[in-house]
N, C-alpha and C. Protein backbone atom coordinates (compact mmCIF):
# COMPACT_ATOMS: atom_id res chain seq x y z
N MET A 1 0.59 -1.07 -0.07
CA MET A 1 0.00 -0.02 0.09
C MET A 1 0.84 1.30 -0.10
N ASN A 2 0.78 1.85 -1.10
CA ASN A 2 1.69 3.12 -1.20
C ASN A 2 1.04 4.28 -0.66
N VAL A 3 -0.26 4.41 -0.91
CA VAL A 3 -0.94 5.65 -0.08
C VAL A 3 -1.89 5.13 0.77
N LEU A 4 -1.77 5.99 1.92
CA LEU A 4 -2.85 5.62 2.97
C LEU A 4 -3.73 7.01 2.89
N SER A 5 -5.10 6.66 2.69
CA SER A 5 -6.15 7.64 2.81
C SER A 5 -7.35 6.98 3.10
N TYR A 6 -8.31 7.97 3.42
CA TYR A 6 -9.59 7.83 3.67
C TYR A 6 -10.52 8.78 3.26
N ARG A 7 -11.83 8.50 3.29
CA ARG A 7 -12.90 9.46 2.94
C ARG A 7 -13.51 9.95 4.13
N ASP A 8 -13.63 11.25 4.38
CA ASP A 8 -14.38 11.72 5.42
C ASP A 8 -15.84 11.59 5.09
N THR A 9 -16.49 11.18 5.97
CA THR A 9 -18.11 11.02 5.75
C THR A 9 -18.82 12.26 5.89
N VAL A 10 -18.14 13.12 6.94
CA VAL A 10 -18.95 14.26 7.10
C VAL A 10 -19.01 15.27 5.89
N VAL A 11 -17.61 15.39 5.16
CA VAL A 11 -17.78 16.44 3.85
C VAL A 11 -17.63 15.58 2.79
N GLY A 12 -17.56 14.71 2.56
CA GLY A 12 -17.04 13.79 1.67
C GLY A 12 -15.43 13.83 0.95
N LEU A 13 -14.89 14.49 1.69
CA LEU A 13 -13.48 14.69 0.93
C LEU A 13 -12.30 13.58 1.35
N THR A 14 -11.32 13.34 0.38
CA THR A 14 -10.68 12.31 0.48
C THR A 14 -9.30 12.82 1.31
N HIS A 15 -8.76 12.16 2.41
CA HIS A 15 -7.52 12.57 3.12
C HIS A 15 -6.44 11.70 2.78
N THR A 16 -5.29 12.42 2.75
CA THR A 16 -4.16 11.22 2.58
C THR A 16 -3.14 11.68 3.63
N ILE A 17 -2.76 10.31 4.50
CA ILE A 17 -1.47 10.59 5.26
C ILE A 17 -0.14 10.09 4.64
N PRO A 18 0.74 11.01 5.11
CA PRO A 18 1.91 10.71 4.50
C PRO A 18 2.68 9.23 4.82
N LYS A 19 3.04 8.57 4.16
CA LYS A 19 3.26 7.02 4.39
C LYS A 19 4.49 6.93 5.30
N GLU A 20 5.23 8.42 5.51
CA GLU A 20 6.41 8.23 6.11
C GLU A 20 6.20 8.85 7.64
N LEU A 21 5.02 9.12 8.10
CA LEU A 21 4.51 9.80 9.33
C LEU A 21 4.81 9.08 10.36
N LEU A 22 4.88 7.87 10.48
CA LEU A 22 5.23 6.92 11.71
C LEU A 22 6.73 6.93 11.85
N GLN A 23 7.47 6.93 10.57
CA GLN A 23 8.87 6.38 10.77
C GLN A 23 9.44 7.71 11.05
N ASP A 24 9.00 8.90 10.52
CA ASP A 24 9.57 10.30 10.72
C ASP A 24 9.09 10.58 12.21
N THR A 25 7.90 10.15 12.89
CA THR A 25 7.87 10.57 14.12
C THR A 25 8.73 9.82 14.97
N ILE A 26 8.85 8.35 15.02
CA ILE A 26 9.76 7.69 15.56
C ILE A 26 11.11 8.04 15.65
N ASN A 27 11.61 8.62 14.31
CA ASN A 27 13.12 9.11 14.30
C ASN A 27 13.12 10.57 14.82
N GLU A 28 12.22 11.23 15.01
CA GLU A 28 12.43 12.70 15.72
C GLU A 28 12.39 12.61 16.91
N ILE A 29 11.69 11.37 17.47
CA ILE A 29 11.70 11.39 18.97
C ILE A 29 13.15 10.79 19.66
N GLU A 30 13.50 9.75 18.69
CA GLU A 30 14.94 9.16 19.08
C GLU A 30 15.91 10.29 18.78
N ASN A 31 15.92 10.98 17.92
CA ASN A 31 16.74 12.17 18.10
C ASN A 31 16.85 13.16 19.23
N TYR A 32 15.82 13.23 19.49
CA TYR A 32 15.38 14.12 20.74
C TYR A 32 16.04 13.54 21.86
N LEU A 33 15.80 12.06 22.10
CA LEU A 33 16.35 11.52 23.15
C LEU A 33 17.79 11.27 23.34
N GLU A 34 18.48 11.39 22.29
CA GLU A 34 19.88 11.30 22.17
C GLU A 34 20.68 12.46 22.22
N ARG A 35 19.80 13.69 22.04
CA ARG A 35 20.50 15.10 22.47
C ARG A 35 20.47 15.43 23.57
N PRO A 36 21.74 15.67 24.50
CA PRO A 36 21.78 16.15 25.77
C PRO A 36 21.87 17.69 25.69
N ASN A 37 21.75 18.49 24.57
CA ASN A 37 21.91 19.85 24.52
C ASN A 37 20.54 20.62 24.46
N VAL A 38 20.22 21.41 25.35
CA VAL A 38 18.95 22.05 25.52
C VAL A 38 18.17 22.66 24.24
N ILE A 39 19.38 23.48 23.40
CA ILE A 39 18.81 24.29 22.27
C ILE A 39 18.15 23.51 21.27
N PRO A 40 18.90 22.14 20.97
CA PRO A 40 18.14 21.51 19.99
C PRO A 40 17.01 20.93 20.27
N LYS A 41 16.70 20.64 21.72
CA LYS A 41 15.55 19.86 22.24
C LYS A 41 14.40 21.22 22.22
N ILE A 42 14.64 22.57 22.24
CA ILE A 42 13.61 23.23 22.20
C ILE A 42 13.15 23.56 20.62
N GLN A 43 14.25 23.40 19.85
CA GLN A 43 13.83 23.44 18.45
C GLN A 43 12.92 22.09 17.99
N ASN A 44 12.90 20.88 18.85
CA ASN A 44 12.48 19.79 18.42
C ASN A 44 10.91 19.77 18.83
N ARG A 45 10.57 20.80 19.70
CA ARG A 45 9.20 21.00 20.35
C ARG A 45 8.32 21.57 19.10
N GLN A 46 8.99 22.21 18.29
CA GLN A 46 8.35 22.62 16.94
C GLN A 46 8.17 21.57 16.12
N ARG A 47 8.92 20.61 16.07
CA ARG A 47 8.92 19.67 15.18
C ARG A 47 7.81 18.88 15.60
N PHE A 48 7.75 18.18 16.83
CA PHE A 48 6.92 17.59 17.49
C PHE A 48 5.66 18.16 17.28
N LEU A 49 5.35 19.38 17.60
CA LEU A 49 4.11 19.98 17.43
C LEU A 49 3.39 19.79 15.79
N LYS A 50 4.28 19.77 14.87
CA LYS A 50 3.90 19.60 13.83
C LYS A 50 3.55 18.44 13.37
N LEU A 51 4.47 17.14 13.86
CA LEU A 51 4.16 16.14 13.60
C LEU A 51 2.73 15.59 14.40
N PHE A 52 2.53 16.04 15.67
CA PHE A 52 1.41 15.71 16.03
C PHE A 52 0.10 16.43 15.57
N SER A 53 0.34 17.41 15.11
CA SER A 53 -0.69 18.18 14.10
C SER A 53 -1.27 17.09 12.93
N LEU A 54 -0.40 16.40 12.37
CA LEU A 54 -0.56 15.37 11.31
C LEU A 54 -1.38 14.26 11.61
N PHE A 55 -1.23 13.86 13.05
CA PHE A 55 -2.08 12.88 13.33
C PHE A 55 -3.60 13.30 13.79
N SER A 56 -3.98 14.44 13.83
CA SER A 56 -5.19 14.77 14.27
C SER A 56 -6.37 14.41 13.49
N ASP A 57 -6.39 14.69 12.14
CA ASP A 57 -7.51 14.10 11.43
C ASP A 57 -7.60 12.94 11.32
N PRO A 58 -6.23 11.94 10.84
CA PRO A 58 -6.42 10.56 10.77
C PRO A 58 -7.04 9.80 12.29
N ILE A 59 -6.60 10.26 13.70
CA ILE A 59 -7.12 9.83 14.59
C ILE A 59 -8.55 9.83 14.59
N VAL A 60 -9.03 11.01 14.29
CA VAL A 60 -10.51 11.15 14.42
C VAL A 60 -11.56 10.29 13.24
N ALA A 61 -10.49 10.07 12.13
CA ALA A 61 -11.36 9.28 11.17
C ALA A 61 -11.16 7.89 11.73
N LEU A 62 -10.07 7.41 12.57
CA LEU A 62 -10.25 6.09 13.12
C LEU A 62 -11.18 5.91 14.07
N GLN A 63 -11.35 6.85 14.68
CA GLN A 63 -12.75 7.06 15.88
C GLN A 63 -13.77 7.05 15.09
N ASP A 64 -14.18 7.77 14.50
CA ASP A 64 -15.53 7.71 13.68
C ASP A 64 -15.66 6.57 12.61
N ASN A 65 -14.64 5.74 12.58
CA ASN A 65 -14.75 4.52 11.38
C ASN A 65 -14.80 5.04 9.77
N ASP A 66 -14.21 6.23 9.79
CA ASP A 66 -13.98 6.81 8.28
C ASP A 66 -12.85 5.87 7.58
N TRP A 67 -11.86 5.51 8.55
CA TRP A 67 -10.74 5.12 8.14
C TRP A 67 -10.72 3.86 8.77
N ASN A 68 -10.70 2.51 8.09
CA ASN A 68 -10.41 1.24 8.89
C ASN A 68 -9.17 0.65 8.21
N LEU A 69 -8.74 -0.03 9.39
CA LEU A 69 -7.25 -0.39 9.24
C LEU A 69 -7.02 -1.70 9.70
N PRO A 70 -6.20 -2.91 9.44
CA PRO A 70 -6.07 -4.00 10.01
C PRO A 70 -5.67 -3.61 11.71
N HIS A 71 -6.18 -4.69 12.44
CA HIS A 71 -5.98 -4.44 14.02
C HIS A 71 -4.63 -4.15 14.36
N ALA A 72 -3.66 -4.64 13.62
CA ALA A 72 -2.24 -4.36 14.09
C ALA A 72 -2.04 -3.12 13.59
N ALA A 73 -2.19 -2.66 12.29
CA ALA A 73 -1.85 -1.29 11.92
C ALA A 73 -2.39 -0.44 12.70
N GLU A 74 -3.71 -0.67 12.90
CA GLU A 74 -4.39 0.65 14.03
C GLU A 74 -3.69 0.64 15.22
N ARG A 75 -3.37 -0.41 15.71
CA ARG A 75 -2.76 -0.44 17.01
C ARG A 75 -1.30 0.42 16.99
N ILE A 76 -0.58 0.03 15.84
CA ILE A 76 0.76 0.64 15.80
C ILE A 76 0.24 2.34 15.48
N PHE A 77 -0.57 2.62 14.75
CA PHE A 77 -0.90 3.93 14.53
C PHE A 77 -1.05 4.81 15.74
N TYR A 78 -2.02 4.22 16.64
CA TYR A 78 -2.41 4.65 17.91
C TYR A 78 -1.20 4.83 18.78
N SER A 79 -0.18 3.85 18.83
CA SER A 79 0.88 3.69 19.48
C SER A 79 1.85 4.76 19.10
N VAL A 80 2.18 5.02 17.99
CA VAL A 80 3.01 6.22 17.44
C VAL A 80 2.43 7.53 17.82
N TYR A 81 0.90 7.75 17.93
CA TYR A 81 0.23 8.84 18.04
C TYR A 81 0.51 9.19 19.62
N ASN A 82 0.28 8.06 20.28
CA ASN A 82 0.24 8.64 21.85
C ASN A 82 1.78 8.67 22.08
N LEU A 83 2.69 8.06 21.63
CA LEU A 83 4.15 8.46 21.61
C LEU A 83 4.33 9.88 21.63
N ILE A 84 3.98 10.61 20.41
CA ILE A 84 4.18 11.89 20.09
C ILE A 84 3.31 13.02 21.03
N ARG A 85 2.28 12.31 21.20
CA ARG A 85 1.36 13.18 22.28
C ARG A 85 2.17 13.17 23.78
N SER A 86 2.71 12.50 23.94
CA SER A 86 3.43 12.36 25.49
C SER A 86 4.57 13.38 25.19
N MET A 87 5.29 13.89 24.14
CA MET A 87 6.07 14.65 24.05
C MET A 87 5.62 15.83 23.81
N VAL A 88 4.31 16.11 23.53
CA VAL A 88 3.86 17.49 23.38
C VAL A 88 2.81 17.90 24.90
N GLU A 89 2.03 16.79 25.11
CA GLU A 89 1.39 17.38 26.46
C GLU A 89 1.99 16.68 27.74
N THR A 90 2.43 17.35 28.59
CA THR A 90 2.98 17.13 29.76
C THR A 90 1.99 16.24 30.95
N ASP A 91 0.61 16.62 30.83
CA ASP A 91 -0.11 16.53 31.89
C ASP A 91 -0.25 14.84 32.25
N LEU A 92 -0.16 14.01 31.32
CA LEU A 92 -0.32 12.57 31.51
C LEU A 92 0.75 11.71 30.81
N LYS A 93 1.93 12.38 31.02
CA LYS A 93 3.04 11.74 30.14
C LYS A 93 3.33 10.49 30.27
N VAL A 94 3.55 9.83 31.52
CA VAL A 94 3.72 8.74 31.98
C VAL A 94 2.67 7.44 31.17
N PHE A 95 1.23 8.06 31.82
CA PHE A 95 0.49 7.27 31.26
C PHE A 95 0.36 7.21 29.77
N THR A 96 0.56 7.98 29.18
CA THR A 96 0.54 7.96 27.69
C THR A 96 1.57 6.96 27.22
N ILE A 97 2.68 7.36 27.63
CA ILE A 97 3.78 6.34 27.16
C ILE A 97 3.36 4.96 27.53
N SER A 98 2.74 4.63 28.71
CA SER A 98 2.34 3.45 29.03
C SER A 98 1.34 2.88 28.02
N VAL A 99 0.26 3.62 27.76
CA VAL A 99 -0.36 3.26 26.62
C VAL A 99 0.09 3.12 25.16
N SER A 100 1.11 3.84 24.82
CA SER A 100 1.78 3.42 23.77
C SER A 100 2.29 2.11 23.66
N ILE A 101 3.29 2.12 24.89
CA ILE A 101 3.83 0.60 24.91
C ILE A 101 2.70 -0.38 24.74
N ASN A 102 1.72 -0.37 25.23
CA ASN A 102 0.78 -1.43 25.48
C ASN A 102 0.14 -1.57 24.03
N GLN A 103 -0.08 -0.56 23.33
CA GLN A 103 -0.69 -0.85 22.02
C GLN A 103 0.56 -1.30 21.09
N ALA A 104 1.48 -1.07 21.19
CA ALA A 104 2.71 -1.50 20.45
C ALA A 104 2.72 -2.94 20.72
N ILE A 105 2.72 -3.60 22.06
CA ILE A 105 2.80 -5.05 22.45
C ILE A 105 1.54 -5.51 21.65
N ASP A 106 0.29 -4.92 21.68
CA ASP A 106 -0.87 -5.66 20.99
C ASP A 106 -0.58 -6.03 19.59
N ALA A 107 -0.05 -5.00 19.05
CA ALA A 107 0.18 -4.99 17.73
C ALA A 107 0.91 -6.53 17.27
N ILE A 108 2.41 -6.32 18.00
CA ILE A 108 3.27 -7.29 17.72
C ILE A 108 2.76 -8.75 18.23
N GLN A 109 1.77 -8.87 19.26
CA GLN A 109 1.14 -10.23 19.77
C GLN A 109 0.40 -10.44 18.64
N SER A 110 -0.41 -9.70 18.18
CA SER A 110 -1.65 -9.86 17.36
C SER A 110 -0.98 -10.40 15.81
N SER A 111 -0.14 -9.84 15.59
CA SER A 111 0.80 -10.23 14.27
C SER A 111 1.70 -11.38 14.62
N GLU A 112 1.91 -11.79 15.62
CA GLU A 112 2.88 -12.78 15.75
C GLU A 112 4.19 -12.47 15.57
N LEU A 113 4.67 -11.36 15.40
CA LEU A 113 6.15 -11.02 15.29
C LEU A 113 7.19 -11.47 15.88
N LEU A 114 6.63 -11.40 17.45
CA LEU A 114 7.49 -11.87 18.43
C LEU A 114 6.77 -12.90 19.44
N THR A 115 7.56 -13.69 20.22
CA THR A 115 6.84 -14.43 21.31
C THR A 115 6.69 -13.47 22.56
N ASP A 116 5.95 -14.36 23.42
CA ASP A 116 5.69 -13.45 24.74
C ASP A 116 7.11 -13.25 25.44
N ASP A 117 7.59 -14.47 25.38
CA ASP A 117 9.08 -14.26 25.96
C ASP A 117 10.18 -13.18 25.28
N GLN A 118 9.99 -13.30 24.12
CA GLN A 118 10.97 -12.15 23.34
C GLN A 118 10.22 -10.86 23.93
N ILE A 119 9.19 -10.50 23.86
CA ILE A 119 8.50 -9.51 24.26
C ILE A 119 8.79 -8.90 25.73
N LYS A 120 8.94 -9.89 26.55
CA LYS A 120 9.19 -9.78 28.20
C LYS A 120 10.77 -9.55 28.04
N GLN A 121 11.59 -10.27 27.15
CA GLN A 121 12.86 -9.94 27.43
C GLN A 121 13.25 -8.49 26.84
N ILE A 122 12.54 -7.80 25.78
CA ILE A 122 12.79 -6.69 25.33
C ILE A 122 12.43 -5.67 26.53
N LEU A 123 11.25 -5.75 27.27
CA LEU A 123 10.82 -5.16 28.19
C LEU A 123 11.74 -4.95 29.36
N GLU A 124 12.21 -6.32 29.53
CA GLU A 124 13.22 -6.19 30.79
C GLU A 124 14.57 -5.17 30.55
N GLU A 125 15.09 -5.57 29.19
CA GLU A 125 16.08 -4.87 28.88
C GLU A 125 16.04 -3.23 28.90
N ALA A 126 14.62 -2.85 28.57
CA ALA A 126 14.43 -1.57 28.60
C ALA A 126 14.45 -0.88 30.04
N ARG A 127 13.89 -1.93 30.91
CA ARG A 127 13.90 -1.49 32.42
C ARG A 127 15.31 -1.15 32.92
N ASN A 128 16.07 -2.41 32.52
CA ASN A 128 17.55 -2.09 33.11
C ASN A 128 18.40 -1.27 32.06
N GLY A 129 17.84 -0.44 31.10
CA GLY A 129 18.56 0.63 30.43
C GLY A 129 19.30 -0.03 29.58
N ARG A 130 19.21 -0.81 29.02
CA ARG A 130 20.21 -1.42 27.84
C ARG A 130 19.37 -1.16 26.62
């Protein structure tokens, strides 16, 4: 699938989602976390806000059933959305990150990409800072 699109049932317009949106969002967050310098982090805030804004219409379309994705793809989309949301909204940061992780795990499990033991190992390594 080269184009990600859906038709808005309210106004009948077709909307296209950049196919790089998820990977670009993950890359931007990884770059942010790797930089110890405060100035680039301030510049990242603007990039985060722009990326976050690109999720608003597709999230509404998913919630309104205007855009239907396979379960795993939908979970991944929500997972990355909640990850970028945790970077722009500070009030529920830990909760939103937890939701993102759980959505990603759900997608991995339903797709049978990894075993439960492999997922547990990844989570354990993350807890230990590896």
